[in-house]
Amino acid sequence: MPTRKISDLPILRCGHPEHEPPRYQVFKPGVYEHTCPACGTEQRFIVDLPSWADMPIGTRAHSSIGGYWERVPSGWRAQSGCVFPTPGGDATHVSYPDTPELHIPLRARKER
């Protein structure tokens, strides 16, 4: 029985070093688009907020009714001085210690 070729191999990637989105970089939460400079392939990726336990010391979780919880080494300190494992359920946005003027909404946030 003769052997015949039935299709070409698919091109899995172009081989350019910047074909994949960047890794090991810190991005603010949001949706990003990366385009390969060689082949033009576009890829979208999502940067989510870290879990409550992974947020840096000094991060503030702001409440919808005023006030905030501040990340401390032992958890989240309320303005009353009590420390809790996570902020309250009325937290609507966070601000990081390095950019306190930037408030990041928690609309679609899911605890990991």
PDB file of N, CA and C in Angstrom:
ATOM      1  N   MET A   1       0.846  -1.161   0.000  1.00  0.00           N
ATOM      2  CA  MET A   1       0.000   0.000   0.000  1.00  0.00           C
ATOM      3  C   MET A   1       0.903   1.239   0.000  1.00  0.00           C
ATOM      4  N   PRO A   2       0.677   2.171  -0.908  1.00  0.00           N
ATOM      5  CA  PRO A   2       1.533   3.351  -0.975  1.00  0.00           C
ATOM      6  C   PRO A   2       1.241   4.330   0.182  1.00  0.00           C
ATOM      7  N   THR A   3       2.274   5.058   0.588  1.00  0.00           N
ATOM      8  CA  THR A   3       2.135   6.063   1.649  1.00  0.00           C
ATOM      9  C   THR A   3       2.008   7.434   1.000  1.00  0.00           C
ATOM     10  N   ARG A   4       1.070   8.231   1.528  1.00  0.00           N
ATOM     11  CA  ARG A   4       0.905   9.567   0.965  1.00  0.00           C
ATOM     12  C   ARG A   4       0.770  10.599   2.089  1.00  0.00           C
ATOM     13  N   LYS A   5       1.199  11.784   1.795  1.00  0.00           N
ATOM     14  CA  LYS A   5       1.099  12.882   2.759  1.00  0.00           C
ATOM     15  C   LYS A   5      -0.325  13.432   2.698  1.00  0.00           C
ATOM     16  N   ILE A   6      -0.940  13.621   3.893  1.00  0.00           N
ATOM     17  CA  ILE A   6      -2.317  14.109   3.892  1.00  0.00           C
ATOM     18  C   ILE A   6      -2.443  15.565   4.339  1.00  0.00           C
ATOM     19  N   SER A   7      -1.418  16.135   5.017  1.00  0.00           N
ATOM     20  CA  SER A   7      -1.455  17.560   5.379  1.00  0.00           C
ATOM     21  C   SER A   7      -0.074  18.027   5.804  1.00  0.00           C
ATOM     22  N   ASP A   8       0.103  19.328   5.793  1.00  0.00           N
ATOM     23  CA  ASP A   8       1.337  19.923   6.280  1.00  0.00           C
ATOM     24  C   ASP A   8       1.262  20.039   7.796  1.00  0.00           C
ATOM     25  N   LEU A   9       2.417  20.137   8.432  1.00  0.00           N
ATOM     26  CA  LEU A   9       2.442  20.348   9.875  1.00  0.00           C
ATOM     27  C   LEU A   9       2.041  21.788  10.186  1.00  0.00           C
ATOM     28  N   PRO A  10       1.268  21.984  11.238  1.00  0.00           N
ATOM     29  CA  PRO A  10       0.918  23.356  11.601  1.00  0.00           C
ATOM     30  C   PRO A  10       2.126  24.085  12.191  1.00  0.00           C
ATOM     31  N   ILE A  11       2.193  25.380  11.964  1.00  0.00           N
ATOM     32  CA  ILE A  11       3.251  26.187  12.559  1.00  0.00           C
ATOM     33  C   ILE A  11       2.824  26.489  13.988  1.00  0.00           C
ATOM     34  N   LEU A  12       3.561  25.961  14.960  1.00  0.00           N
ATOM     35  CA  LEU A  12       3.177  26.098  16.348  1.00  0.00           C
ATOM     36  C   LEU A  12       3.501  27.485  16.897  1.00  0.00           C
ATOM     37  N   ARG A  13       4.626  28.039  16.526  1.00  0.00           N
ATOM     38  CA  ARG A  13       4.963  29.407  16.908  1.00  0.00           C
ATOM     39  C   ARG A  13       6.039  29.913  15.982  1.00  0.00           C
ATOM     40  N   CYS A  14       6.173  31.212  15.936  1.00  0.00           N
ATOM     41  CA  CYS A  14       7.094  31.795  14.963  1.00  0.00           C
ATOM     42  C   CYS A  14       8.554  31.699  15.398  1.00  0.00           C
ATOM     43  N   GLY A  15       8.829  31.501  16.678  1.00  0.00           N
ATOM     44  CA  GLY A  15      10.200  31.375  17.147  1.00  0.00           C
ATOM     45  C   GLY A  15      10.821  32.678  17.615  1.00  0.00           C
ATOM     46  N   HIS A  16      10.125  33.793  17.449  1.00  0.00           N
ATOM     47  CA  HIS A  16      10.654  35.080  17.905  1.00  0.00           C
ATOM     48  C   HIS A  16      10.691  35.090  19.437  1.00  0.00           C
ATOM     49  N   PRO A  17      11.736  35.633  20.061  1.00  0.00           N
ATOM     50  CA  PRO A  17      11.829  35.608  21.527  1.00  0.00           C
ATOM     51  C   PRO A  17      10.724  36.383  22.238  1.00  0.00           C
ATOM     52  N   GLU A  18      10.060  37.310  21.543  1.00  0.00           N
ATOM     53  CA  GLU A  18       8.971  38.065  22.154  1.00  0.00           C
ATOM     54  C   GLU A  18       7.599  37.610  21.657  1.00  0.00           C
ATOM     55  N   HIS A  19       7.512  36.342  21.195  1.00  0.00           N
ATOM     56  CA  HIS A  19       6.226  35.836  20.688  1.00  0.00           C
ATOM     57  C   HIS A  19       5.195  35.720  21.813  1.00  0.00           C
ATOM     58  N   GLU A  20       5.609  35.259  22.973  1.00  0.00           N
ATOM     59  CA  GLU A  20       4.697  35.105  24.120  1.00  0.00           C
ATOM     60  C   GLU A  20       4.634  36.400  24.919  1.00  0.00           C
ATOM     61  N   PRO A  21       3.529  36.638  25.637  1.00  0.00           N
ATOM     62  CA  PRO A  21       3.463  37.822  26.507  1.00  0.00           C
ATOM     63  C   PRO A  21       4.578  37.790  27.549  1.00  0.00           C
ATOM     64  N   PRO A  22       4.985  38.962  28.047  1.00  0.00           N
ATOM     65  CA  PRO A  22       6.079  39.001  29.031  1.00  0.00           C
ATOM     66  C   PRO A  22       5.727  38.268  30.313  1.00  0.00           C
ATOM     67  N   ARG A  23       6.716  37.672  30.921  1.00  0.00           N
ATOM     68  CA  ARG A  23       6.533  36.958  32.190  1.00  0.00           C
ATOM     69  C   ARG A  23       7.451  37.582  33.226  1.00  0.00           C
ATOM     70  N   TYR A  24       7.160  37.316  34.470  1.00  0.00           N
ATOM     71  CA  TYR A  24       7.979  37.786  35.587  1.00  0.00           C
ATOM     72  C   TYR A  24       8.076  39.319  35.617  1.00  0.00           C
ATOM     73  N   GLN A  25       7.011  39.966  35.186  1.00  0.00           N
ATOM     74  CA  GLN A  25       6.911  41.414  35.286  1.00  0.00           C
ATOM     75  C   GLN A  25       5.671  41.741  36.090  1.00  0.00           C
ATOM     76  N   VAL A  26       5.663  42.867  36.751  1.00  0.00           N
ATOM     77  CA  VAL A  26       4.526  43.267  37.560  1.00  0.00           C
ATOM     78  C   VAL A  26       3.672  44.238  36.758  1.00  0.00           C
ATOM     79  N   PHE A  27       2.394  43.901  36.600  1.00  0.00           N
ATOM     80  CA  PHE A  27       1.435  44.754  35.916  1.00  0.00           C
ATOM     81  C   PHE A  27       0.316  45.107  36.887  1.00  0.00           C
ATOM     82  N   LYS A  28      -0.258  46.278  36.746  1.00  0.00           N
ATOM     83  CA  LYS A  28      -1.436  46.642  37.511  1.00  0.00           C
ATOM     84  C   LYS A  28      -2.589  45.762  37.034  1.00  0.00           C
ATOM     85  N   PRO A  29      -3.577  45.467  37.892  1.00  0.00           N
ATOM     86  CA  PRO A  29      -4.708  44.639  37.464  1.00  0.00           C
ATOM     87  C   PRO A  29      -5.407  45.236  36.244  1.00  0.00           C
ATOM     88  N   GLY A  30      -5.798  44.370  35.327  1.00  0.00           N
ATOM     89  CA  GLY A  30      -6.495  44.802  34.111  1.00  0.00           C
ATOM     90  C   GLY A  30      -6.360  43.772  33.012  1.00  0.00           C
ATOM     91  N   VAL A  31      -6.858  44.101  31.825  1.00  0.00           N
ATOM     92  CA  VAL A  31      -6.764  43.239  30.649  1.00  0.00           C
ATOM     93  C   VAL A  31      -5.725  43.858  29.720  1.00  0.00           C
ATOM     94  N   TYR A  32      -4.789  43.042  29.275  1.00  0.00           N
ATOM     95  CA  TYR A  32      -3.699  43.512  28.430  1.00  0.00           C
ATOM     96  C   TYR A  32      -3.696  42.750  27.111  1.00  0.00           C
ATOM     97  N   GLU A  33      -3.131  43.383  26.080  1.00  0.00           N
ATOM     98  CA  GLU A  33      -2.990  42.738  24.782  1.00  0.00           C
ATOM     99  C   GLU A  33      -1.521  42.793  24.380  1.00  0.00           C
ATOM    100  N   HIS A  34      -1.010  41.657  23.913  1.00  0.00           N
ATOM    101  CA  HIS A  34       0.389  41.568  23.487  1.00  0.00           C
ATOM    102  C   HIS A  34       0.404  41.141  22.024  1.00  0.00           C
ATOM    103  N   THR A  35       1.212  41.826  21.205  1.00  0.00           N
ATOM    104  CA  THR A  35       1.338  41.501  19.790  1.00  0.00           C
ATOM    105  C   THR A  35       2.775  41.078  19.512  1.00  0.00           C
ATOM    106  N   CYS A  36       2.939  39.933  18.889  1.00  0.00           N
ATOM    107  CA  CYS A  36       4.271  39.457  18.513  1.00  0.00           C
ATOM    108  C   CYS A  36       4.828  40.388  17.437  1.00  0.00           C
ATOM    109  N   PRO A  37       6.051  40.916  17.633  1.00  0.00           N
ATOM    110  CA  PRO A  37       6.608  41.830  16.639  1.00  0.00           C
ATOM    111  C   PRO A  37       6.959  41.159  15.312  1.00  0.00           C
ATOM    112  N   ALA A  38       7.104  39.837  15.301  1.00  0.00           N
ATOM    113  CA  ALA A  38       7.492  39.145  14.070  1.00  0.00           C
ATOM    114  C   ALA A  38       6.293  38.673  13.249  1.00  0.00           C
ATOM    115  N   CYS A  39       5.371  37.938  13.896  1.00  0.00           N
ATOM    116  CA  CYS A  39       4.270  37.341  13.133  1.00  0.00           C
ATOM    117  C   CYS A  39       2.942  38.080  13.299  1.00  0.00           C
ATOM    118  N   GLY A  40       2.864  38.997  14.270  1.00  0.00           N
ATOM    119  CA  GLY A  40       1.642  39.778  14.450  1.00  0.00           C
ATOM    120  C   GLY A  40       0.542  39.077  15.234  1.00  0.00           C
ATOM    121  N   THR A  41       0.817  37.892  15.786  1.00  0.00           N
ATOM    122  CA  THR A  41      -0.181  37.193  16.586  1.00  0.00           C
ATOM    123  C   THR A  41      -0.518  38.017  17.818  1.00  0.00           C
ATOM    124  N   GLU A  42      -1.817  38.199  18.067  1.00  0.00           N
ATOM    125  CA  GLU A  42      -2.258  38.959  19.235  1.00  0.00           C
ATOM    126  C   GLU A  42      -2.767  38.014  20.309  1.00  0.00           C
ATOM    127  N   GLN A  43      -2.364  38.268  21.548  1.00  0.00           N
ATOM    128  CA  GLN A  43      -2.822  37.475  22.688  1.00  0.00           C
ATOM    129  C   GLN A  43      -3.276  38.430  23.778  1.00  0.00           C
ATOM    130  N   ARG A  44      -4.400  38.119  24.412  1.00  0.00           N
ATOM    131  CA  ARG A  44      -4.880  38.911  25.538  1.00  0.00           C
ATOM    132  C   ARG A  44      -4.649  38.129  26.817  1.00  0.00           C
ATOM    133  N   PHE A  45      -4.307  38.858  27.881  1.00  0.00           N
ATOM    134  CA  PHE A  45      -4.157  38.202  29.178  1.00  0.00           C
ATOM    135  C   PHE A  45      -4.695  39.115  30.265  1.00  0.00           C
ATOM    136  N   ILE A  46      -5.101  38.497  31.367  1.00  0.00           N
ATOM    137  CA  ILE A  46      -5.718  39.212  32.476  1.00  0.00           C
ATOM    138  C   ILE A  46      -4.780  39.186  33.671  1.00  0.00           C
ATOM    139  N   VAL A  47      -4.606  40.327  34.298  1.00  0.00           N
ATOM    140  CA  VAL A  47      -3.858  40.419  35.540  1.00  0.00           C
ATOM    141  C   VAL A  47      -4.875  40.674  36.636  1.00  0.00           C
ATOM    142  N   ASP A  48      -5.001  39.737  37.559  1.00  0.00           N
ATOM    143  CA  ASP A  48      -5.980  39.819  38.638  1.00  0.00           C
ATOM    144  C   ASP A  48      -5.318  40.365  39.890  1.00  0.00           C
ATOM    145  N   LEU A  49      -6.131  40.807  40.823  1.00  0.00           N
ATOM    146  CA  LEU A  49      -5.607  41.218  42.123  1.00  0.00           C
ATOM    147  C   LEU A  49      -5.104  39.996  42.877  1.00  0.00           C
ATOM    148  N   PRO A  50      -4.060  40.139  43.670  1.00  0.00           N
ATOM    149  CA  PRO A  50      -3.614  39.011  44.488  1.00  0.00           C
ATOM    150  C   PRO A  50      -4.625  38.714  45.590  1.00  0.00           C
ATOM    151  N   SER A  51      -4.488  37.571  46.233  1.00  0.00           N
ATOM    152  CA  SER A  51      -5.381  37.252  47.349  1.00  0.00           C
ATOM    153  C   SER A  51      -5.101  38.223  48.488  1.00  0.00           C
ATOM    154  N   TRP A  52      -6.020  38.328  49.439  1.00  0.00           N
ATOM    155  CA  TRP A  52      -5.862  39.251  50.563  1.00  0.00           C
ATOM    156  C   TRP A  52      -4.540  39.001  51.291  1.00  0.00           C
ATOM    157  N   ALA A  53      -4.176  37.739  51.487  1.00  0.00           N
ATOM    158  CA  ALA A  53      -2.965  37.400  52.241  1.00  0.00           C
ATOM    159  C   ALA A  53      -1.693  37.781  51.492  1.00  0.00           C
ATOM    160  N   ASP A  54      -1.749  37.890  50.154  1.00  0.00           N
ATOM    161  CA  ASP A  54      -0.564  38.191  49.354  1.00  0.00           C
ATOM    162  C   ASP A  54      -0.351  39.679  49.108  1.00  0.00           C
ATOM    163  N   MET A  55      -1.285  40.517  49.537  1.00  0.00           N
ATOM    164  CA  MET A  55      -1.131  41.955  49.302  1.00  0.00           C
ATOM    165  C   MET A  55      -0.048  42.521  50.207  1.00  0.00           C
ATOM    166  N   PRO A  56       0.713  43.515  49.716  1.00  0.00           N
ATOM    167  CA  PRO A  56       1.841  44.033  50.499  1.00  0.00           C
ATOM    168  C   PRO A  56       1.408  44.765  51.769  1.00  0.00           C
ATOM    169  N   ILE A  57       2.302  44.766  52.754  1.00  0.00           N
ATOM    170  CA  ILE A  57       2.072  45.488  53.999  1.00  0.00           C
ATOM    171  C   ILE A  57       1.857  46.969  53.665  1.00  0.00           C
ATOM    172  N   GLY A  58       0.834  47.569  54.255  1.00  0.00           N
ATOM    173  CA  GLY A  58       0.527  48.967  54.000  1.00  0.00           C
ATOM    174  C   GLY A  58      -0.596  49.174  53.003  1.00  0.00           C
ATOM    175  N   THR A  59      -1.012  48.100  52.309  1.00  0.00           N
ATOM    176  CA  THR A  59      -2.138  48.206  51.386  1.00  0.00           C
ATOM    177  C   THR A  59      -3.387  48.551  52.178  1.00  0.00           C
ATOM    178  N   ARG A  60      -4.236  49.395  51.614  1.00  0.00           N
ATOM    179  CA  ARG A  60      -5.490  49.750  52.271  1.00  0.00           C
ATOM    180  C   ARG A  60      -6.664  49.252  51.448  1.00  0.00           C
ATOM    181  N   ALA A  61      -7.595  48.574  52.122  1.00  0.00           N
ATOM    182  CA  ALA A  61      -8.855  48.150  51.511  1.00  0.00           C
ATOM    183  C   ALA A  61      -9.913  49.122  52.004  1.00  0.00           C
ATOM    184  N   HIS A  62     -10.421  49.950  51.092  1.00  0.00           N
ATOM    185  CA  HIS A  62     -11.342  51.016  51.456  1.00  0.00           C
ATOM    186  C   HIS A  62     -12.782  50.504  51.501  1.00  0.00           C
ATOM    187  N   SER A  63     -13.535  50.974  52.474  1.00  0.00           N
ATOM    188  CA  SER A  63     -14.909  50.557  52.696  1.00  0.00           C
ATOM    189  C   SER A  63     -15.877  51.446  51.923  1.00  0.00           C
ATOM    190  N   SER A  64     -17.014  50.886  51.543  1.00  0.00           N
ATOM    191  CA  SER A  64     -18.041  51.661  50.848  1.00  0.00           C
ATOM    192  C   SER A  64     -18.732  52.646  51.788  1.00  0.00           C
ATOM    193  N   ILE A  65     -18.609  52.439  53.098  1.00  0.00           N
ATOM    194  CA  ILE A  65     -19.266  53.334  54.060  1.00  0.00           C
ATOM    195  C   ILE A  65     -18.267  54.258  54.746  1.00  0.00           C
ATOM    196  N   GLY A  66     -17.067  54.319  54.225  1.00  0.00           N
ATOM    197  CA  GLY A  66     -16.022  55.164  54.791  1.00  0.00           C
ATOM    198  C   GLY A  66     -15.047  54.343  55.615  1.00  0.00           C
ATOM    199  N   GLY A  67     -13.849  54.834  55.747  1.00  0.00           N
ATOM    200  CA  GLY A  67     -12.827  54.109  56.495  1.00  0.00           C
ATOM    201  C   GLY A  67     -12.101  53.103  55.619  1.00  0.00           C
ATOM    202  N   TYR A  68     -11.198  52.359  56.243  1.00  0.00           N
ATOM    203  CA  TYR A  68     -10.410  51.372  55.512  1.00  0.00           C
ATOM    204  C   TYR A  68      -9.810  50.363  56.489  1.00  0.00           C
ATOM    205  N   TRP A  69      -9.343  49.259  55.934  1.00  0.00           N
ATOM    206  CA  TRP A  69      -8.537  48.285  56.663  1.00  0.00           C
ATOM    207  C   TRP A  69      -7.138  48.402  56.104  1.00  0.00           C
ATOM    208  N   GLU A  70      -6.139  48.286  56.953  1.00  0.00           N
ATOM    209  CA  GLU A  70      -4.754  48.379  56.491  1.00  0.00           C
ATOM    210  C   GLU A  70      -4.057  47.051  56.712  1.00  0.00           C
ATOM    211  N   ARG A  71      -3.313  46.605  55.694  1.00  0.00           N
ATOM    212  CA  ARG A  71      -2.583  45.330  55.766  1.00  0.00           C
ATOM    213  C   ARG A  71      -1.407  45.496  56.721  1.00  0.00           C
ATOM    214  N   VAL A  72      -1.370  44.630  57.734  1.00  0.00           N
ATOM    215  CA  VAL A  72      -0.279  44.581  58.708  1.00  0.00           C
ATOM    216  C   VAL A  72       0.267  43.156  58.711  1.00  0.00           C
ATOM    217  N   PRO A  73       1.428  42.894  59.298  1.00  0.00           N
ATOM    218  CA  PRO A  73       2.003  41.539  59.242  1.00  0.00           C
ATOM    219  C   PRO A  73       1.064  40.442  59.765  1.00  0.00           C
ATOM    220  N   SER A  74       0.192  40.762  60.704  1.00  0.00           N
ATOM    221  CA  SER A  74      -0.672  39.728  61.281  1.00  0.00           C
ATOM    222  C   SER A  74      -2.056  39.647  60.638  1.00  0.00           C
ATOM    223  N   GLY A  75      -2.337  40.451  59.621  1.00  0.00           N
ATOM    224  CA  GLY A  75      -3.645  40.413  58.964  1.00  0.00           C
ATOM    225  C   GLY A  75      -4.059  41.791  58.470  1.00  0.00           C
ATOM    226  N   TRP A  76      -5.324  42.158  58.724  1.00  0.00           N
ATOM    227  CA  TRP A  76      -5.878  43.444  58.295  1.00  0.00           C
ATOM    228  C   TRP A  76      -6.388  44.188  59.517  1.00  0.00           C
ATOM    229  N   ARG A  77      -5.822  45.364  59.795  1.00  0.00           N
ATOM    230  CA  ARG A  77      -6.201  46.145  60.962  1.00  0.00           C
ATOM    231  C   ARG A  77      -7.300  47.136  60.592  1.00  0.00           C
ATOM    232  N   ALA A  78      -8.411  47.068  61.330  1.00  0.00           N
ATOM    233  CA  ALA A  78      -9.491  48.035  61.150  1.00  0.00           C
ATOM    234  C   ALA A  78      -9.102  49.320  61.858  1.00  0.00           C
ATOM    235  N   GLN A  79      -9.832  50.393  61.604  1.00  0.00           N
ATOM    236  CA  GLN A  79      -9.511  51.664  62.245  1.00  0.00           C
ATOM    237  C   GLN A  79      -9.750  51.607  63.749  1.00  0.00           C
ATOM    238  N   SER A  80     -10.519  50.625  64.202  1.00  0.00           N
ATOM    239  CA  SER A  80     -10.725  50.454  65.639  1.00  0.00           C
ATOM    240  C   SER A  80      -9.494  49.872  66.327  1.00  0.00           C
ATOM    241  N   GLY A  81      -8.562  49.341  65.531  1.00  0.00           N
ATOM    242  CA  GLY A  81      -7.347  48.740  66.072  1.00  0.00           C
ATOM    243  C   GLY A  81      -7.385  47.225  66.091  1.00  0.00           C
ATOM    244  N   CYS A  82      -8.563  46.624  65.899  1.00  0.00           N
ATOM    245  CA  CYS A  82      -8.685  45.159  65.874  1.00  0.00           C
ATOM    246  C   CYS A  82      -8.109  44.619  64.567  1.00  0.00           C
ATOM    247  N   VAL A  83      -7.506  43.427  64.635  1.00  0.00           N
ATOM    248  CA  VAL A  83      -6.907  42.807  63.450  1.00  0.00           C
ATOM    249  C   VAL A  83      -7.736  41.599  63.037  1.00  0.00           C
ATOM    250  N   PHE A  84      -8.032  41.494  61.744  1.00  0.00           N
ATOM    251  CA  PHE A  84      -8.850  40.417  61.175  1.00  0.00           C
ATOM    252  C   PHE A  84      -8.070  39.717  60.070  1.00  0.00           C
ATOM    253  N   PRO A  85      -8.449  38.465  59.724  1.00  0.00           N
ATOM    254  CA  PRO A  85      -7.732  37.750  58.654  1.00  0.00           C
ATOM    255  C   PRO A  85      -7.932  38.383  57.272  1.00  0.00           C
ATOM    256  N   THR A  86      -9.114  38.987  57.020  1.00  0.00           N
ATOM    257  CA  THR A  86      -9.400  39.660  55.748  1.00  0.00           C
ATOM    258  C   THR A  86     -10.178  40.934  56.041  1.00  0.00           C
ATOM    259  N   PRO A  87     -10.223  41.857  55.088  1.00  0.00           N
ATOM    260  CA  PRO A  87     -11.066  43.038  55.282  1.00  0.00           C
ATOM    261  C   PRO A  87     -12.543  42.642  55.280  1.00  0.00           C
ATOM    262  N   GLY A  88     -13.395  43.587  55.675  1.00  0.00           N
ATOM    263  CA  GLY A  88     -14.834  43.322  55.689  1.00  0.00           C
ATOM    264  C   GLY A  88     -15.412  43.192  54.296  1.00  0.00           C
ATOM    265  N   GLY A  89     -16.625  42.691  54.227  1.00  0.00           N
ATOM    266  CA  GLY A  89     -17.295  42.472  52.948  1.00  0.00           C
ATOM    267  C   GLY A  89     -17.686  43.738  52.226  1.00  0.00           C
ATOM    268  N   ASP A  90     -17.602  44.884  52.883  1.00  0.00           N
ATOM    269  CA  ASP A  90     -17.964  46.132  52.219  1.00  0.00           C
ATOM    270  C   ASP A  90     -16.756  46.829  51.589  1.00  0.00           C
ATOM    271  N   ALA A  91     -15.628  46.141  51.489  1.00  0.00           N
ATOM    272  CA  ALA A  91     -14.449  46.713  50.825  1.00  0.00           C
ATOM    273  C   ALA A  91     -14.760  46.849  49.337  1.00  0.00           C
ATOM    274  N   THR A  92     -14.576  48.044  48.807  1.00  0.00           N
ATOM    275  CA  THR A  92     -14.916  48.300  47.407  1.00  0.00           C
ATOM    276  C   THR A  92     -13.706  48.536  46.519  1.00  0.00           C
ATOM    277  N   HIS A  93     -12.579  48.947  47.088  1.00  0.00           N
ATOM    278  CA  HIS A  93     -11.368  49.171  46.300  1.00  0.00           C
ATOM    279  C   HIS A  93     -10.151  49.152  47.218  1.00  0.00           C
ATOM    280  N   VAL A  94      -8.978  48.955  46.605  1.00  0.00           N
ATOM    281  CA  VAL A  94      -7.736  48.924  47.365  1.00  0.00           C
ATOM    282  C   VAL A  94      -6.790  49.996  46.836  1.00  0.00           C
ATOM    283  N   SER A  95      -5.868  50.425  47.694  1.00  0.00           N
ATOM    284  CA  SER A  95      -4.783  51.307  47.256  1.00  0.00           C
ATOM    285  C   SER A  95      -3.491  50.738  47.823  1.00  0.00           C
ATOM    286  N   TYR A  96      -2.457  50.708  46.982  1.00  0.00           N
ATOM    287  CA  TYR A  96      -1.175  50.158  47.389  1.00  0.00           C
ATOM    288  C   TYR A  96      -0.311  51.234  48.026  1.00  0.00           C
ATOM    289  N   PRO A  97       0.614  50.853  48.917  1.00  0.00           N
ATOM    290  CA  PRO A  97       1.422  51.853  49.607  1.00  0.00           C
ATOM    291  C   PRO A  97       2.303  52.692  48.678  1.00  0.00           C
ATOM    292  N   ASP A  98       2.740  52.122  47.555  1.00  0.00           N
ATOM    293  CA  ASP A  98       3.609  52.876  46.652  1.00  0.00           C
ATOM    294  C   ASP A  98       2.842  53.847  45.758  1.00  0.00           C
ATOM    295  N   THR A  99       1.538  53.630  45.583  1.00  0.00           N
ATOM    296  CA  THR A  99       0.700  54.524  44.773  1.00  0.00           C
ATOM    297  C   THR A  99      -0.629  54.749  45.486  1.00  0.00           C
ATOM    298  N   PRO A 100      -0.630  55.474  46.614  1.00  0.00           N
ATOM    299  CA  PRO A 100      -1.859  55.623  47.402  1.00  0.00           C
ATOM    300  C   PRO A 100      -2.961  56.374  46.680  1.00  0.00           C
ATOM    301  N   GLU A 101      -2.618  57.159  45.663  1.00  0.00           N
ATOM    302  CA  GLU A 101      -3.654  57.906  44.949  1.00  0.00           C
ATOM    303  C   GLU A 101      -4.418  57.035  43.955  1.00  0.00           C
ATOM    304  N   LEU A 102      -3.898  55.867  43.617  1.00  0.00           N
ATOM    305  CA  LEU A 102      -4.541  54.964  42.667  1.00  0.00           C
ATOM    306  C   LEU A 102      -5.434  53.992  43.424  1.00  0.00           C
ATOM    307  N   HIS A 103      -6.732  54.099  43.226  1.00  0.00           N
ATOM    308  CA  HIS A 103      -7.686  53.204  43.886  1.00  0.00           C
ATOM    309  C   HIS A 103      -8.171  52.180  42.870  1.00  0.00           C
ATOM    310  N   ILE A 104      -7.962  50.904  43.156  1.00  0.00           N
ATOM    311  CA  ILE A 104      -8.291  49.833  42.226  1.00  0.00           C
ATOM    312  C   ILE A 104      -9.610  49.187  42.660  1.00  0.00           C
ATOM    313  N   PRO A 105     -10.649  49.236  41.808  1.00  0.00           N
ATOM    314  CA  PRO A 105     -11.947  48.660  42.180  1.00  0.00           C
ATOM    315  C   PRO A 105     -11.872  47.150  42.369  1.00  0.00           C
ATOM    316  N   LEU A 106     -12.744  46.625  43.218  1.00  0.00           N
ATOM    317  CA  LEU A 106     -12.790  45.186  43.508  1.00  0.00           C
ATOM    318  C   LEU A 106     -14.022  44.537  42.894  1.00  0.00           C
ATOM    319  N   ARG A 107     -14.590  45.084  41.850  1.00  0.00           N
ATOM    320  CA  ARG A 107     -15.856  44.603  41.304  1.00  0.00           C
ATOM    321  C   ARG A 107     -15.895  43.113  41.047  1.00  0.00           C
ATOM    322  N   ALA A 108     -14.960  42.599  40.280  1.00  0.00           N
ATOM    323  CA  ALA A 108     -15.004  41.194  39.895  1.00  0.00           C
ATOM    324  C   ALA A 108     -14.000  40.352  40.688  1.00  0.00           C
ATOM    325  N   ARG A 109     -13.616  40.832  41.843  1.00  0.00           N
ATOM    326  CA  ARG A 109     -12.582  40.154  42.621  1.00  0.00           C
ATOM    327  C   ARG A 109     -13.086  38.841  43.198  1.00  0.00           C
ATOM    328  N   LYS A 110     -12.274  37.822  43.116  1.00  0.00           N
ATOM    329  CA  LYS A 110     -12.594  36.523  43.713  1.00  0.00           C
ATOM    330  C   LYS A 110     -11.460  36.137  44.644  1.00  0.00           C
ATOM    331  N   GLU A 111     -11.786  35.699  45.820  1.00  0.00           N
ATOM    332  CA  GLU A 111     -10.763  35.240  46.763  1.00  0.00           C
ATOM    333  C   GLU A 111     -10.232  33.902  46.283  1.00  0.00           C
ATOM    334  N   ARG A 112      -8.911  33.731  46.300  1.00  0.00           N
ATOM    335  CA  ARG A 112      -8.315  32.464  45.831  1.00  0.00           C
ATOM    336  C   ARG A 112      -8.182  31.492  46.959  1.00  0.00           C
TER     337      ARG A 112
END
